[in-house]
N, C-alpha and C. Protein backbone atom coordinates (compact mmCIF):
# COMPACT_ATOMS: atom_id res chain seq x y z
N MET A 1 128.00 14.37 149.58
CA MET A 1 126.67 14.94 149.47
C MET A 1 126.05 14.69 148.03
N PHE A 2 124.99 14.55 147.96
CA PHE A 2 124.16 14.33 146.84
C PHE A 2 124.20 15.76 146.19
N ALA A 3 124.26 15.76 144.75
CA ALA A 3 123.81 16.88 144.10
C ALA A 3 122.08 17.03 144.14
N PRO A 4 121.43 18.36 143.79
CA PRO A 4 120.09 18.21 144.07
C PRO A 4 119.82 17.70 142.69
N LEU A 5 118.54 16.89 142.26
CA LEU A 5 117.96 16.72 141.55
C LEU A 5 117.53 17.59 140.23
N LEU A 6 118.11 17.60 139.38
CA LEU A 6 117.62 18.69 138.31
C LEU A 6 116.67 18.10 137.47
N VAL A 7 115.40 18.52 137.23
CA VAL A 7 114.31 18.19 136.38
C VAL A 7 114.74 18.78 135.06
N PRO A 8 114.43 18.23 134.14
CA PRO A 8 114.32 18.81 132.91
C PRO A 8 113.28 19.81 132.60
N SER A 9 113.12 20.87 132.44
CA SER A 9 112.15 22.00 131.96
C SER A 9 111.34 21.65 131.40
N HIS A 10 111.23 20.92 130.36
CA HIS A 10 110.04 20.40 129.33
C HIS A 10 109.36 19.56 130.07
N LEU A 11 109.53 18.76 131.61
CA LEU A 11 108.64 17.93 132.37
C LEU A 11 108.25 18.57 133.76
N GLN A 12 108.64 19.82 133.81
CA GLN A 12 108.45 20.47 134.84
C GLN A 12 107.01 20.82 135.20
N ASP A 13 105.83 21.04 134.14
CA ASP A 13 104.17 21.66 134.67
C ASP A 13 103.62 20.79 133.58
N ARG A 14 103.93 19.61 133.20
CA ARG A 14 102.98 18.70 132.53
C ARG A 14 103.31 17.18 132.92
N PRO A 15 102.28 16.57 132.53
CA PRO A 15 102.21 15.10 133.04
C PRO A 15 103.30 14.39 131.77
N PHE A 16 104.11 13.45 132.23
CA PHE A 16 105.12 13.02 131.51
C PHE A 16 104.83 11.26 131.83
N THR A 17 105.27 10.68 130.38
CA THR A 17 105.44 9.39 130.49
C THR A 17 107.02 8.58 131.49
N THR A 18 106.57 7.50 131.88
CA THR A 18 107.91 6.73 132.19
C THR A 18 108.86 7.01 131.04
N ALA A 19 108.62 6.87 129.94
CA ALA A 19 109.52 6.71 128.57
C ALA A 19 110.35 7.97 128.78
N GLU A 20 109.57 8.90 128.66
CA GLU A 20 109.97 10.66 128.46
C GLU A 20 111.11 11.17 129.61
N ALA A 21 110.68 10.11 131.28
CA ALA A 21 111.50 10.53 131.84
C ALA A 21 112.96 9.86 131.54
N GLU A 22 112.82 8.85 131.34
CA GLU A 22 113.95 8.04 130.77
C GLU A 22 114.94 8.63 129.67
N ALA A 23 114.28 9.23 128.70
CA ALA A 23 114.91 9.91 127.78
C ALA A 23 115.58 11.13 128.36
N ALA A 24 114.77 11.84 129.23
CA ALA A 24 115.22 13.23 129.77
C ALA A 24 116.49 12.75 131.00
N GLY A 25 116.52 11.40 131.27
CA GLY A 25 117.84 10.78 132.38
C GLY A 25 117.35 10.89 133.63
N LEU A 26 116.11 10.70 133.60
CA LEU A 26 115.42 10.21 135.18
C LEU A 26 114.81 8.96 135.13
N SER A 27 115.64 8.08 135.80
CA SER A 27 115.32 6.68 136.05
C SER A 27 114.01 6.19 136.89
N ARG A 28 113.93 5.02 136.43
CA ARG A 28 112.49 4.72 136.86
C ARG A 28 112.50 4.39 138.76
N GLN A 29 113.74 4.23 139.00
CA GLN A 29 113.92 4.04 140.64
C GLN A 29 113.93 5.57 141.37
N VAL A 30 113.96 6.80 140.54
CA VAL A 30 114.43 7.99 140.95
C VAL A 30 112.85 8.76 140.73
N LEU A 31 112.05 8.08 139.85
CA LEU A 31 110.48 8.51 140.14
C LEU A 31 109.96 7.63 141.00
N ASN A 32 109.99 6.41 141.41
CA ASN A 32 109.32 5.51 142.47
C ASN A 32 110.04 6.35 143.82
N SER A 33 111.18 6.82 144.35
CA SER A 33 111.90 6.89 145.43
C SER A 33 111.71 8.37 145.60
N ASN A 34 111.29 9.24 144.96
CA ASN A 34 111.94 10.51 145.08
C ASN A 34 110.28 11.08 145.34
N ARG A 35 110.40 12.06 146.34
CA ARG A 35 109.20 12.97 146.46
C ARG A 35 109.09 13.90 145.68
N ARG A 36 109.65 14.40 145.16
CA ARG A 36 109.44 14.97 143.93
C ARG A 36 108.43 14.90 142.45
N PHE A 37 108.10 13.61 142.46
CA PHE A 37 107.41 12.95 142.01
C PHE A 37 106.11 12.60 142.20
N ARG A 38 104.94 12.35 141.45
CA ARG A 38 103.74 12.05 142.26
C ARG A 38 102.78 10.97 140.88
N ARG A 39 102.95 9.59 141.07
CA ARG A 39 102.00 8.78 139.95
C ARG A 39 100.73 9.24 140.06
N LEU A 40 100.58 9.66 138.64
CA LEU A 40 98.98 9.92 138.56
C LEU A 40 98.24 8.53 138.06
N PHE A 41 98.69 7.69 136.90
CA PHE A 41 98.24 6.51 136.40
C PHE A 41 99.62 5.54 136.00
N ARG A 42 99.14 4.62 135.74
CA ARG A 42 100.14 3.43 135.26
C ARG A 42 101.17 4.17 134.41
N GLY A 43 102.43 4.37 134.88
CA GLY A 43 103.69 4.75 133.68
C GLY A 43 103.45 6.39 133.40
N VAL A 44 102.26 6.98 133.93
CA VAL A 44 102.38 8.49 133.91
C VAL A 44 102.55 9.59 135.19
N TRP A 45 103.59 10.36 135.12
CA TRP A 45 103.79 11.27 136.43
C TRP A 45 103.40 12.48 136.16
N VAL A 46 103.78 13.37 137.31
CA VAL A 46 103.98 14.77 137.14
C VAL A 46 104.75 15.34 138.55
N CYS A 47 105.48 16.11 138.41
CA CYS A 47 106.26 16.59 139.53
C CYS A 47 104.95 17.21 140.70
N ALA A 48 105.55 16.77 141.76
CA ALA A 48 104.85 16.71 142.65
C ALA A 48 104.38 18.21 143.06
N ASP A 49 104.90 19.53 142.87
CA ASP A 49 104.65 20.62 143.01
C ASP A 49 103.45 21.20 142.00
N VAL A 50 103.21 20.60 140.87
CA VAL A 50 102.16 20.50 139.79
C VAL A 50 100.89 20.36 140.66
N LEU A 51 100.27 21.70 140.18
CA LEU A 51 98.54 21.78 140.92
C LEU A 51 97.91 20.52 139.63
N ILE A 52 97.00 19.95 140.72
CA ILE A 52 96.21 18.44 139.95
C ILE A 52 95.02 19.51 139.70
N THR A 53 94.53 19.48 138.39
CA THR A 53 93.14 20.16 138.00
C THR A 53 92.65 19.10 136.93
N PHE A 54 91.33 19.14 136.79
CA PHE A 54 90.71 18.39 135.90
C PHE A 54 91.47 17.93 134.49
N ASP A 55 92.20 19.43 133.75
CA ASP A 55 92.22 19.31 132.53
C ASP A 55 94.00 18.72 132.69
N LEU A 56 94.65 18.65 133.54
CA LEU A 56 95.56 18.26 133.77
C LEU A 56 95.40 16.35 133.87
N LYS A 57 94.86 16.25 134.92
CA LYS A 57 94.29 14.77 135.02
C LYS A 57 94.34 14.42 133.66
N LEU A 58 92.99 14.96 132.81
CA LEU A 58 92.75 14.03 131.67
C LEU A 58 93.50 14.35 130.73
N ARG A 59 94.45 14.99 130.86
CA ARG A 59 96.18 14.97 129.74
C ARG A 59 96.77 13.77 129.91
N ALA A 60 97.03 13.70 131.65
CA ALA A 60 97.46 12.42 131.96
C ALA A 60 96.87 11.35 131.51
N ALA A 61 95.32 11.33 131.80
CA ALA A 61 95.02 9.68 131.35
C ALA A 61 95.20 9.36 129.85
N ARG A 62 95.12 10.72 129.04
CA ARG A 62 95.27 10.20 127.42
C ARG A 62 96.41 9.88 127.38
N LEU A 63 97.93 10.24 128.31
CA LEU A 63 98.85 9.28 127.92
C LEU A 63 99.01 8.17 128.50
N ALA A 64 97.68 7.55 129.25
CA ALA A 64 97.78 6.17 129.67
C ALA A 64 97.18 5.14 129.12
N LEU A 65 96.25 6.20 128.01
CA LEU A 65 94.89 5.34 127.53
C LEU A 65 95.58 4.86 126.31
N PRO A 66 94.66 4.10 125.56
CA PRO A 66 95.46 3.97 123.70
C PRO A 66 95.02 5.23 122.81
N ALA A 67 95.32 5.02 122.02
CA ALA A 67 95.19 6.45 121.23
C ALA A 67 93.69 6.39 120.90
N ASP A 68 93.14 5.27 120.61
CA ASP A 68 91.76 5.68 120.13
C ASP A 68 90.56 5.68 121.29
N ALA A 69 91.34 5.87 122.56
CA ALA A 69 90.25 6.52 123.06
C ALA A 69 89.37 7.53 123.30
N VAL A 70 88.14 7.40 123.76
CA VAL A 70 87.51 8.72 123.32
C VAL A 70 86.95 9.43 125.09
N VAL A 71 87.04 10.44 125.42
CA VAL A 71 86.31 11.04 126.71
C VAL A 71 84.65 11.09 126.54
N SER A 72 83.97 10.82 127.20
CA SER A 72 82.59 10.38 127.46
C SER A 72 82.17 10.82 128.68
N HIS A 73 80.92 10.93 128.51
CA HIS A 73 79.81 11.04 129.99
C HIS A 73 80.31 12.24 130.90
N THR A 74 80.19 12.06 131.76
CA THR A 74 80.64 12.89 132.60
C THR A 74 82.00 14.00 132.34
N SER A 75 82.85 13.14 132.23
CA SER A 75 84.28 14.03 131.70
C SER A 75 83.95 14.93 130.46
N ALA A 76 83.31 14.19 129.57
CA ALA A 76 83.17 15.06 128.40
C ALA A 76 82.32 15.90 128.30
N LEU A 77 81.41 16.27 129.40
CA LEU A 77 80.54 17.10 129.85
C LEU A 77 81.23 18.23 130.47
N ALA A 78 82.45 17.80 131.63
CA ALA A 78 83.09 18.69 131.75
C ALA A 78 84.13 19.60 131.00
N LEU A 79 84.50 18.78 129.52
CA LEU A 79 84.95 19.48 129.27
C LEU A 79 84.16 20.49 128.34
N LEU A 80 83.00 20.23 128.09
CA LEU A 80 82.23 21.27 127.59
C LEU A 80 82.15 22.82 128.28
């Protein structure tokens, strides 16, 4: 019998990168094959039980985009 997968507490309620997951002991294979995770963007994940809101999706997108990317148009309006 397999031991249950323990997700580190600092990754349970926010988007995280593949690199963060690997540093916490979760392999790419676990992320890709486990229903406990949902891929939001390339290289960005969230636990499947986390409610996906506009704010969370924006935080996830910022992890996937270059550091100099900015929010504009409809997304910027929604932030206001």
